[in-house]
Amino acid sequence: MTRSVEEFEKVQQLIAEGLNDCAVARDTGIPRTTVRDWRRRPPRRLSHPSDPLSCGVVHDFDSLHAASYAYLLGMYLGDGCISKASRTDTLRVTCDKRYPTIIARCRLAIDALFPRQRAGVYWRRSGCADVYQCSKHWPCLLPQHGPGRKHLRKIALEPWQQKIVDGEAEEFVMGLIHSDGCRVVANDRGVLSVRYHFSNRSEDIIGLFTAALDHLGITWRRSDKHTVSIYRKAATARMDEFIGPKDLAVPLNGVHYTT
């Protein structure tokens, strides 16, 4: 029998009030053994009768592969979307065909979150390719999903997402740069200098990007209303440590370049 979220939350409330398993079972009508199990860990599946948009699973976000999630979150906020099908949801992240290593990295990140599935790639006739994966869990894993374009709605991280981003800020920044950013080598009066730019029409997403840079101690400035630039030598050298040129191979673990 699949129990509901309301039942689980009621049990947790009574546990927090100090009731033992037998007392909780008497008050809720839920078997004592179920209460005992819920005291230790949440169940894998719960029904959401009052929430038709939920996938019906209580997710253990702490068990997510943090680096992969932080990277994919950055890619999604930049160039991703979730579309609803009849019985599932599809995540699509649009990538530039010129950078197959980024396409491969995006696929690896998704596969790390869904190890029993494999992300696919739809190669468009234009210069883009869509990395995609179907799952009813995407709206739960990416709660920034909603109607309309991202820059027209509020974008804020859930506390569990912020915890992951704080722990994997490099991966998050990399995902944003790989989706809506670039690394250029400028010729400033004969002197070559590296610069990074990130452009997005959402002030909220720009705020998440600059907050992650601040967390990493990387200096930045606003070039214009929609663009953040990193151009100081120490800052670009720091960025090059974990991002580097887009056309280089980018493994999912231990990404550090010497440029």
C-alpha atoms as a PDB file:
ATOM      1  CA  MET A   1       0.000   0.000   0.000  1.00  0.00           C
ATOM      2  CA  THR A   2       1.334   3.424  -0.969  1.00  0.00           C
ATOM      3  CA  ARG A   3       0.947   5.959   1.817  1.00  0.00           C
ATOM      4  CA  SER A   4       0.358   9.656   1.187  1.00  0.00           C
ATOM      5  CA  VAL A   5       2.596  12.622   1.866  1.00  0.00           C
ATOM      6  CA  GLU A   6      -0.009  13.903   4.321  1.00  0.00           C
ATOM      7  CA  GLU A   7       0.252  10.687   6.343  1.00  0.00           C
ATOM      8  CA  PHE A   8       4.047  10.839   6.348  1.00  0.00           C
ATOM      9  CA  GLU A   9       4.085  14.481   7.470  1.00  0.00           C
ATOM     10  CA  LYS A  10       1.574  13.735  10.238  1.00  0.00           C
ATOM     11  CA  VAL A  11       3.762  10.900  11.533  1.00  0.00           C
ATOM     12  CA  GLN A  12       6.834  13.142  11.467  1.00  0.00           C
ATOM     13  CA  GLN A  13       4.943  15.822  13.395  1.00  0.00           C
ATOM     14  CA  LEU A  14       3.961  13.364  16.133  1.00  0.00           C
ATOM     15  CA  ILE A  15       7.496  11.984  16.296  1.00  0.00           C
ATOM     16  CA  ALA A  16       8.806  15.527  16.735  1.00  0.00           C
ATOM     17  CA  GLU A  17       6.358  15.983  19.605  1.00  0.00           C
ATOM     18  CA  GLY A  18       8.003  13.051  21.387  1.00  0.00           C
ATOM     19  CA  LEU A  19       5.449  10.281  20.874  1.00  0.00           C
ATOM     20  CA  ASN A  20       6.747   6.729  20.640  1.00  0.00           C
ATOM     21  CA  ASP A  21       5.946   4.406  17.754  1.00  0.00           C
ATOM     22  CA  CYS A  22       2.949   2.775  19.456  1.00  0.00           C
ATOM     23  CA  ALA A  23       1.359   6.129  20.322  1.00  0.00           C
ATOM     24  CA  VAL A  24       1.880   7.429  16.786  1.00  0.00           C
ATOM     25  CA  ALA A  25       0.365   4.259  15.361  1.00  0.00           C
ATOM     26  CA  ARG A  26      -2.715   4.602  17.594  1.00  0.00           C
ATOM     27  CA  ASP A  27      -3.237   8.264  16.658  1.00  0.00           C
ATOM     28  CA  THR A  28      -2.813   7.788  12.902  1.00  0.00           C
ATOM     29  CA  GLY A  29      -3.949   4.230  12.262  1.00  0.00           C
ATOM     30  CA  ILE A  30      -0.648   3.528  10.518  1.00  0.00           C
ATOM     31  CA  PRO A  31       1.063   0.240  11.503  1.00  0.00           C
ATOM     32  CA  ARG A  32       3.741   0.544  14.172  1.00  0.00           C
ATOM     33  CA  THR A  33       6.318  -1.119  11.915  1.00  0.00           C
ATOM     34  CA  THR A  34       5.698   1.530   9.254  1.00  0.00           C
ATOM     35  CA  VAL A  35       6.090   4.284  11.836  1.00  0.00           C
ATOM     36  CA  ARG A  36       9.326   2.648  13.005  1.00  0.00           C
ATOM     37  CA  ASP A  37      10.673   2.575   9.450  1.00  0.00           C
ATOM     38  CA  TRP A  38       9.646   6.190   8.790  1.00  0.00           C
ATOM     39  CA  ARG A  39      11.438   7.270  11.953  1.00  0.00           C
ATOM     40  CA  ARG A  40      14.662   5.987  10.423  1.00  0.00           C
ATOM     41  CA  ARG A  41      14.236   7.141   6.836  1.00  0.00           C
ATOM     42  CA  PRO A  42      11.556   8.440   4.451  1.00  0.00           C
ATOM     43  CA  PRO A  43       9.869   5.895   2.173  1.00  0.00           C
ATOM     44  CA  ARG A  44      10.858   5.660  -1.470  1.00  0.00           C
ATOM     45  CA  ARG A  45       7.348   6.363  -2.707  1.00  0.00           C
ATOM     46  CA  LEU A  46       4.408   8.376  -1.424  1.00  0.00           C
ATOM     47  CA  SER A  47       1.223   9.447  -3.153  1.00  0.00           C
ATOM     48  CA  HIS A  48       0.313  13.103  -3.605  1.00  0.00           C
ATOM     49  CA  PRO A  49      -3.473  13.175  -3.933  1.00  0.00           C
ATOM     50  CA  SER A  50      -3.610  16.947  -3.576  1.00  0.00           C
ATOM     51  CA  ASP A  51      -0.720  17.680  -5.937  1.00  0.00           C
ATOM     52  CA  PRO A  52      -1.274  16.443  -9.510  1.00  0.00           C
ATOM     53  CA  LEU A  53       2.111  17.841 -10.586  1.00  0.00           C
ATOM     54  CA  SER A  54       4.134  15.728  -8.169  1.00  0.00           C
ATOM     55  CA  CYS A  55       5.901  12.543  -9.210  1.00  0.00           C
ATOM     56  CA  GLY A  56       4.697  10.721  -6.087  1.00  0.00           C
ATOM     57  CA  VAL A  57       8.187  10.104  -4.661  1.00  0.00           C
ATOM     58  CA  VAL A  58       9.850  11.578  -1.600  1.00  0.00           C
ATOM     59  CA  HIS A  59      13.316  12.379  -2.925  1.00  0.00           C
ATOM     60  CA  ASP A  60      16.482  12.075  -0.900  1.00  0.00           C
ATOM     61  CA  PHE A  61      18.266  15.069  -2.389  1.00  0.00           C
ATOM     62  CA  ASP A  62      21.317  14.445  -0.208  1.00  0.00           C
ATOM     63  CA  SER A  63      21.947  11.257  -2.180  1.00  0.00           C
ATOM     64  CA  LEU A  64      22.224  13.042  -5.533  1.00  0.00           C
ATOM     65  CA  HIS A  65      25.600  13.081  -7.261  1.00  0.00           C
ATOM     66  CA  ALA A  66      26.326  16.655  -6.205  1.00  0.00           C
ATOM     67  CA  ALA A  67      28.865  17.638  -8.871  1.00  0.00           C
ATOM     68  CA  SER A  68      26.688  16.314 -11.687  1.00  0.00           C
ATOM     69  CA  TYR A  69      23.596  18.011 -10.294  1.00  0.00           C
ATOM     70  CA  ALA A  70      25.310  21.387  -9.852  1.00  0.00           C
ATOM     71  CA  TYR A  71      26.632  21.266 -13.416  1.00  0.00           C
ATOM     72  CA  LEU A  72      23.291  20.208 -14.881  1.00  0.00           C
ATOM     73  CA  LEU A  73      21.473  22.898 -12.880  1.00  0.00           C
ATOM     74  CA  GLY A  74      23.731  25.520 -14.453  1.00  0.00           C
ATOM     75  CA  MET A  75      23.135  24.080 -17.919  1.00  0.00           C
ATOM     76  CA  TYR A  76      19.368  23.989 -17.325  1.00  0.00           C
ATOM     77  CA  LEU A  77      19.187  27.579 -16.070  1.00  0.00           C
ATOM     78  CA  GLY A  78      21.083  28.683 -19.144  1.00  0.00           C
ATOM     79  CA  ASP A  79      19.663  26.666 -22.028  1.00  0.00           C
ATOM     80  CA  GLY A  80      17.342  24.027 -20.612  1.00  0.00           C
ATOM     81  CA  CYS A  81      13.608  23.447 -20.536  1.00  0.00           C
ATOM     82  CA  ILE A  82      11.154  20.815 -19.299  1.00  0.00           C
ATOM     83  CA  SER A  83       8.168  19.816 -21.398  1.00  0.00           C
ATOM     84  CA  LYS A  84       5.168  17.754 -20.317  1.00  0.00           C
ATOM     85  CA  ALA A  85       4.145  14.640 -22.204  1.00  0.00           C
ATOM     86  CA  SER A  86       1.207  12.341 -21.519  1.00  0.00           C
ATOM     87  CA  ARG A  87       2.777  10.366 -18.681  1.00  0.00           C
ATOM     88  CA  THR A  88       6.243  11.827 -18.228  1.00  0.00           C
ATOM     89  CA  ASP A  89       8.353  14.981 -18.486  1.00  0.00           C
ATOM     90  CA  THR A  90      11.285  15.591 -20.803  1.00  0.00           C
ATOM     91  CA  LEU A  91      14.330  17.667 -19.953  1.00  0.00           C
ATOM     92  CA  ARG A  92      16.046  19.219 -22.967  1.00  0.00           C
ATOM     93  CA  VAL A  93      19.322  21.107 -22.800  1.00  0.00           C
ATOM     94  CA  THR A  94      20.264  22.836 -26.034  1.00  0.00           C
ATOM     95  CA  CYS A  95      23.985  22.772 -26.840  1.00  0.00           C
ATOM     96  CA  ASP A  96      26.185  24.104 -29.620  1.00  0.00           C
ATOM     97  CA  LYS A  97      27.265  21.379 -32.062  1.00  0.00           C
ATOM     98  CA  ARG A  98      30.715  22.942 -32.220  1.00  0.00           C
ATOM     99  CA  TYR A  99      31.439  21.677 -28.705  1.00  0.00           C
ATOM    100  CA  PRO A 100      30.827  17.913 -28.625  1.00  0.00           C
ATOM    101  CA  THR A 101      32.724  17.607 -25.340  1.00  0.00           C
ATOM    102  CA  ILE A 102      30.107  19.803 -23.648  1.00  0.00           C
ATOM    103  CA  ILE A 103      27.349  17.660 -25.147  1.00  0.00           C
ATOM    104  CA  ALA A 104      29.100  14.574 -23.791  1.00  0.00           C
ATOM    105  CA  ARG A 105      29.551  16.168 -20.374  1.00  0.00           C
ATOM    106  CA  CYS A 106      25.885  17.114 -20.192  1.00  0.00           C
ATOM    107  CA  ARG A 107      24.933  13.513 -21.001  1.00  0.00           C
ATOM    108  CA  LEU A 108      27.284  12.211 -18.316  1.00  0.00           C
ATOM    109  CA  ALA A 109      25.757  14.536 -15.737  1.00  0.00           C
ATOM    110  CA  ILE A 110      22.243  13.315 -16.522  1.00  0.00           C
ATOM    111  CA  ASP A 111      23.356   9.677 -16.531  1.00  0.00           C
ATOM    112  CA  ALA A 112      24.921  10.159 -13.082  1.00  0.00           C
ATOM    113  CA  LEU A 113      21.534  11.297 -11.755  1.00  0.00           C
ATOM    114  CA  PHE A 114      19.669   8.471 -13.524  1.00  0.00           C
ATOM    115  CA  PRO A 115      22.161   5.574 -13.615  1.00  0.00           C
ATOM    116  CA  ARG A 116      19.553   3.110 -14.903  1.00  0.00           C
ATOM    117  CA  GLN A 117      18.829   5.248 -17.965  1.00  0.00           C
ATOM    118  CA  ARG A 118      20.847   6.895 -20.700  1.00  0.00           C
ATOM    119  CA  ALA A 119      20.399  10.431 -21.948  1.00  0.00           C
ATOM    120  CA  GLY A 120      19.946  10.866 -25.677  1.00  0.00           C
ATOM    121  CA  VAL A 121      20.996  13.524 -28.165  1.00  0.00           C
ATOM    122  CA  TYR A 122      18.787  14.930 -30.890  1.00  0.00           C
ATOM    123  CA  TRP A 123      20.969  16.430 -33.611  1.00  0.00           C
ATOM    124  CA  ARG A 124      19.139  19.297 -35.261  1.00  0.00           C
ATOM    125  CA  ARG A 125      19.799  20.450 -38.797  1.00  0.00           C
ATOM    126  CA  SER A 126      20.754  23.839 -37.418  1.00  0.00           C
ATOM    127  CA  GLY A 127      23.896  24.364 -35.356  1.00  0.00           C
ATOM    128  CA  CYS A 128      22.343  22.987 -32.173  1.00  0.00           C
ATOM    129  CA  ALA A 129      21.828  19.628 -30.498  1.00  0.00           C
ATOM    130  CA  ASP A 130      19.408  18.779 -27.703  1.00  0.00           C
ATOM    131  CA  VAL A 131      20.539  16.522 -24.873  1.00  0.00           C
ATOM    132  CA  TYR A 132      17.358  14.987 -23.474  1.00  0.00           C
ATOM    133  CA  GLN A 133      16.052  12.576 -20.874  1.00  0.00           C
ATOM    134  CA  CYS A 134      12.487  11.555 -20.033  1.00  0.00           C
ATOM    135  CA  SER A 135      11.460  11.225 -16.395  1.00  0.00           C
ATOM    136  CA  LYS A 136       8.503  12.215 -14.253  1.00  0.00           C
ATOM    137  CA  HIS A 137      11.016  13.370 -11.608  1.00  0.00           C
ATOM    138  CA  TRP A 138      12.367  16.400 -13.479  1.00  0.00           C
ATOM    139  CA  PRO A 139       9.907  18.957 -12.023  1.00  0.00           C
ATOM    140  CA  CYS A 140      10.985  17.806  -8.541  1.00  0.00           C
ATOM    141  CA  LEU A 141      14.706  17.877  -9.312  1.00  0.00           C
ATOM    142  CA  LEU A 142      14.464  21.211 -11.146  1.00  0.00           C
ATOM    143  CA  PRO A 143      11.712  23.133  -9.323  1.00  0.00           C
ATOM    144  CA  GLN A 144      12.605  26.323 -11.246  1.00  0.00           C
ATOM    145  CA  HIS A 145      10.478  24.832 -14.029  1.00  0.00           C
ATOM    146  CA  GLY A 146       7.306  26.782 -14.729  1.00  0.00           C
ATOM    147  CA  PRO A 147       5.173  28.358 -17.453  1.00  0.00           C
ATOM    148  CA  GLY A 148       6.725  31.022 -19.616  1.00  0.00           C
ATOM    149  CA  ARG A 149      10.321  32.089 -20.140  1.00  0.00           C
ATOM    150  CA  LYS A 150      12.736  32.053 -17.219  1.00  0.00           C
ATOM    151  CA  HIS A 151      13.468  35.781 -17.331  1.00  0.00           C
ATOM    152  CA  LEU A 152       9.744  36.526 -16.935  1.00  0.00           C
ATOM    153  CA  ARG A 153       9.316  34.558 -13.696  1.00  0.00           C
ATOM    154  CA  LYS A 154      11.010  34.336 -10.321  1.00  0.00           C
ATOM    155  CA  ILE A 155      14.041  32.035 -10.226  1.00  0.00           C
ATOM    156  CA  ALA A 156      15.300  31.077  -6.773  1.00  0.00           C
ATOM    157  CA  LEU A 157      17.055  27.996  -5.431  1.00  0.00           C
ATOM    158  CA  GLU A 158      15.491  25.698  -2.871  1.00  0.00           C
ATOM    159  CA  PRO A 159      17.552  25.282   0.329  1.00  0.00           C
ATOM    160  CA  TRP A 160      18.673  21.800  -0.717  1.00  0.00           C
ATOM    161  CA  GLN A 161      19.789  23.165  -4.089  1.00  0.00           C
ATOM    162  CA  GLN A 162      21.706  26.001  -2.471  1.00  0.00           C
ATOM    163  CA  LYS A 163      23.509  23.480  -0.281  1.00  0.00           C
ATOM    164  CA  ILE A 164      24.632  21.560  -3.378  1.00  0.00           C
ATOM    165  CA  VAL A 165      25.652  24.735  -5.223  1.00  0.00           C
ATOM    166  CA  ASP A 166      27.676  25.971  -2.245  1.00  0.00           C
ATOM    167  CA  GLY A 167      29.515  22.652  -2.136  1.00  0.00           C
ATOM    168  CA  GLU A 168      30.002  22.434  -5.917  1.00  0.00           C
ATOM    169  CA  ALA A 169      30.234  26.082  -6.933  1.00  0.00           C
ATOM    170  CA  GLU A 170      32.835  25.373  -9.621  1.00  0.00           C
ATOM    171  CA  GLU A 171      30.530  22.874 -11.338  1.00  0.00           C
ATOM    172  CA  PHE A 172      27.592  25.278 -11.146  1.00  0.00           C
ATOM    173  CA  VAL A 173      29.596  28.148 -12.640  1.00  0.00           C
ATOM    174  CA  MET A 174      30.922  25.819 -15.338  1.00  0.00           C
ATOM    175  CA  GLY A 175      27.402  24.751 -16.295  1.00  0.00           C
ATOM    176  CA  LEU A 176      26.302  28.378 -16.619  1.00  0.00           C
ATOM    177  CA  ILE A 177      29.372  29.286 -18.706  1.00  0.00           C
ATOM    178  CA  HIS A 178      28.938  26.214 -20.925  1.00  0.00           C
ATOM    179  CA  SER A 179      25.318  27.181 -21.609  1.00  0.00           C
ATOM    180  CA  ASP A 180      25.156  30.981 -21.667  1.00  0.00           C
ATOM    181  CA  GLY A 181      28.771  32.017 -21.387  1.00  0.00           C
ATOM    182  CA  CYS A 182      31.993  32.147 -23.342  1.00  0.00           C
ATOM    183  CA  ARG A 183      35.752  32.313 -22.939  1.00  0.00           C
ATOM    184  CA  VAL A 184      37.574  34.618 -25.322  1.00  0.00           C
ATOM    185  CA  VAL A 185      41.197  35.552 -25.859  1.00  0.00           C
ATOM    186  CA  ALA A 186      41.327  39.275 -26.533  1.00  0.00           C
ATOM    187  CA  ASN A 187      44.150  41.166 -28.239  1.00  0.00           C
ATOM    188  CA  ASP A 188      44.646  44.283 -26.151  1.00  0.00           C
ATOM    189  CA  ARG A 189      47.226  46.361 -28.016  1.00  0.00           C
ATOM    190  CA  GLY A 190      49.239  43.309 -28.885  1.00  0.00           C
ATOM    191  CA  VAL A 191      48.856  41.676 -25.477  1.00  0.00           C
ATOM    192  CA  LEU A 192      46.703  38.543 -25.392  1.00  0.00           C
ATOM    193  CA  SER A 193      44.359  38.308 -22.399  1.00  0.00           C
ATOM    194  CA  VAL A 194      41.688  35.802 -21.395  1.00  0.00           C
ATOM    195  CA  ARG A 195      38.175  37.000 -20.613  1.00  0.00           C
ATOM    196  CA  TYR A 196      35.001  35.247 -19.579  1.00  0.00           C
ATOM    197  CA  HIS A 197      31.503  36.566 -20.253  1.00  0.00           C
ATOM    198  CA  PHE A 198      28.117  35.337 -19.072  1.00  0.00           C
ATOM    199  CA  SER A 199      24.922  36.715 -20.575  1.00  0.00           C
ATOM    200  CA  ASN A 200      21.344  36.080 -19.474  1.00  0.00           C
ATOM    201  CA  ARG A 201      18.137  38.080 -19.526  1.00  0.00           C
ATOM    202  CA  SER A 202      17.069  36.884 -16.073  1.00  0.00           C
ATOM    203  CA  GLU A 203      18.314  39.112 -13.271  1.00  0.00           C
ATOM    204  CA  ASP A 204      17.698  36.236 -10.859  1.00  0.00           C
ATOM    205  CA  ILE A 205      19.941  33.844 -12.812  1.00  0.00           C
ATOM    206  CA  ILE A 206      22.627  36.522 -13.101  1.00  0.00           C
ATOM    207  CA  GLY A 207      22.376  36.895  -9.329  1.00  0.00           C
ATOM    208  CA  LEU A 208      22.901  33.155  -8.834  1.00  0.00           C
ATOM    209  CA  PHE A 209      25.939  33.278 -11.126  1.00  0.00           C
ATOM    210  CA  THR A 210      27.577  36.234  -9.383  1.00  0.00           C
ATOM    211  CA  ALA A 211      26.804  34.784  -5.939  1.00  0.00           C
ATOM    212  CA  ALA A 212      28.665  31.604  -6.933  1.00  0.00           C
ATOM    213  CA  LEU A 213      31.587  33.714  -8.187  1.00  0.00           C
ATOM    214  CA  ASP A 214      31.646  35.564  -4.862  1.00  0.00           C
ATOM    215  CA  HIS A 215      31.632  32.224  -3.068  1.00  0.00           C
ATOM    216  CA  LEU A 216      34.724  31.224  -5.075  1.00  0.00           C
ATOM    217  CA  GLY A 217      36.425  34.584  -4.528  1.00  0.00           C
ATOM    218  CA  ILE A 218      36.361  35.478  -8.224  1.00  0.00           C
ATOM    219  CA  THR A 219      36.002  39.170  -9.058  1.00  0.00           C
ATOM    220  CA  TRP A 220      33.514  40.240 -11.721  1.00  0.00           C
ATOM    221  CA  ARG A 221      31.760  43.283 -13.150  1.00  0.00           C
ATOM    222  CA  ARG A 222      28.593  44.043 -15.082  1.00  0.00           C
ATOM    223  CA  SER A 223      29.459  44.939 -18.657  1.00  0.00           C
ATOM    224  CA  ASP A 224      25.874  45.819 -19.447  1.00  0.00           C
ATOM    225  CA  LYS A 225      22.371  45.046 -18.228  1.00  0.00           C
ATOM    226  CA  HIS A 226      22.498  41.384 -19.218  1.00  0.00           C
ATOM    227  CA  THR A 227      26.228  40.558 -19.149  1.00  0.00           C
ATOM    228  CA  VAL A 228      28.721  39.707 -16.425  1.00  0.00           C
ATOM    229  CA  SER A 229      32.422  39.859 -17.328  1.00  0.00           C
ATOM    230  CA  ILE A 230      35.481  38.358 -15.659  1.00  0.00           C
ATOM    231  CA  TYR A 231      38.635  39.936 -16.996  1.00  0.00           C
ATOM    232  CA  ARG A 232      41.141  40.556 -14.205  1.00  0.00           C
ATOM    233  CA  LYS A 233      44.210  38.344 -14.599  1.00  0.00           C
ATOM    234  CA  ALA A 234      43.868  36.581 -11.237  1.00  0.00           C
ATOM    235  CA  ALA A 235      40.134  36.013 -11.771  1.00  0.00           C
ATOM    236  CA  THR A 236      40.489  34.562 -15.281  1.00  0.00           C
ATOM    237  CA  ALA A 237      43.369  32.378 -14.109  1.00  0.00           C
ATOM    238  CA  ARG A 238      41.091  31.029 -11.383  1.00  0.00           C
ATOM    239  CA  MET A 239      38.350  30.371 -13.935  1.00  0.00           C
ATOM    240  CA  ASP A 240      40.832  28.617 -16.200  1.00  0.00           C
ATOM    241  CA  GLU A 241      41.659  26.222 -13.382  1.00  0.00           C
ATOM    242  CA  PHE A 242      38.269  24.524 -13.658  1.00  0.00           C
ATOM    243  CA  ILE A 243      36.690  25.653 -16.950  1.00  0.00           C
ATOM    244  CA  GLY A 244      39.155  26.434 -19.720  1.00  0.00           C
ATOM    245  CA  PRO A 245      38.365  26.490 -23.463  1.00  0.00           C
ATOM    246  CA  LYS A 246      35.041  24.987 -24.486  1.00  0.00           C
ATOM    247  CA  ASP A 247      36.581  22.719 -27.124  1.00  0.00           C
ATOM    248  CA  LEU A 248      38.738  20.794 -24.639  1.00  0.00           C
ATOM    249  CA  ALA A 249      37.691  17.500 -23.089  1.00  0.00           C
ATOM    250  CA  VAL A 250      35.877  18.127 -19.822  1.00  0.00           C
ATOM    251  CA  PRO A 251      35.715  15.136 -17.468  1.00  0.00           C
ATOM    252  CA  LEU A 252      33.110  15.098 -14.736  1.00  0.00           C
ATOM    253  CA  ASN A 253      35.530  14.585 -11.859  1.00  0.00           C
ATOM    254  CA  GLY A 254      38.696  16.433 -10.986  1.00  0.00           C
ATOM    255  CA  VAL A 255      38.419  19.108 -13.661  1.00  0.00           C
ATOM    256  CA  HIS A 256      41.518  21.308 -13.423  1.00  0.00           C
ATOM    257  CA  TYR A 257      43.370  22.768 -16.365  1.00  0.00           C
ATOM    258  CA  THR A 258      46.836  24.198 -16.665  1.00  0.00           C
ATOM    259  CA  THR A 259      46.580  26.915 -19.258  1.00  0.00           C
END
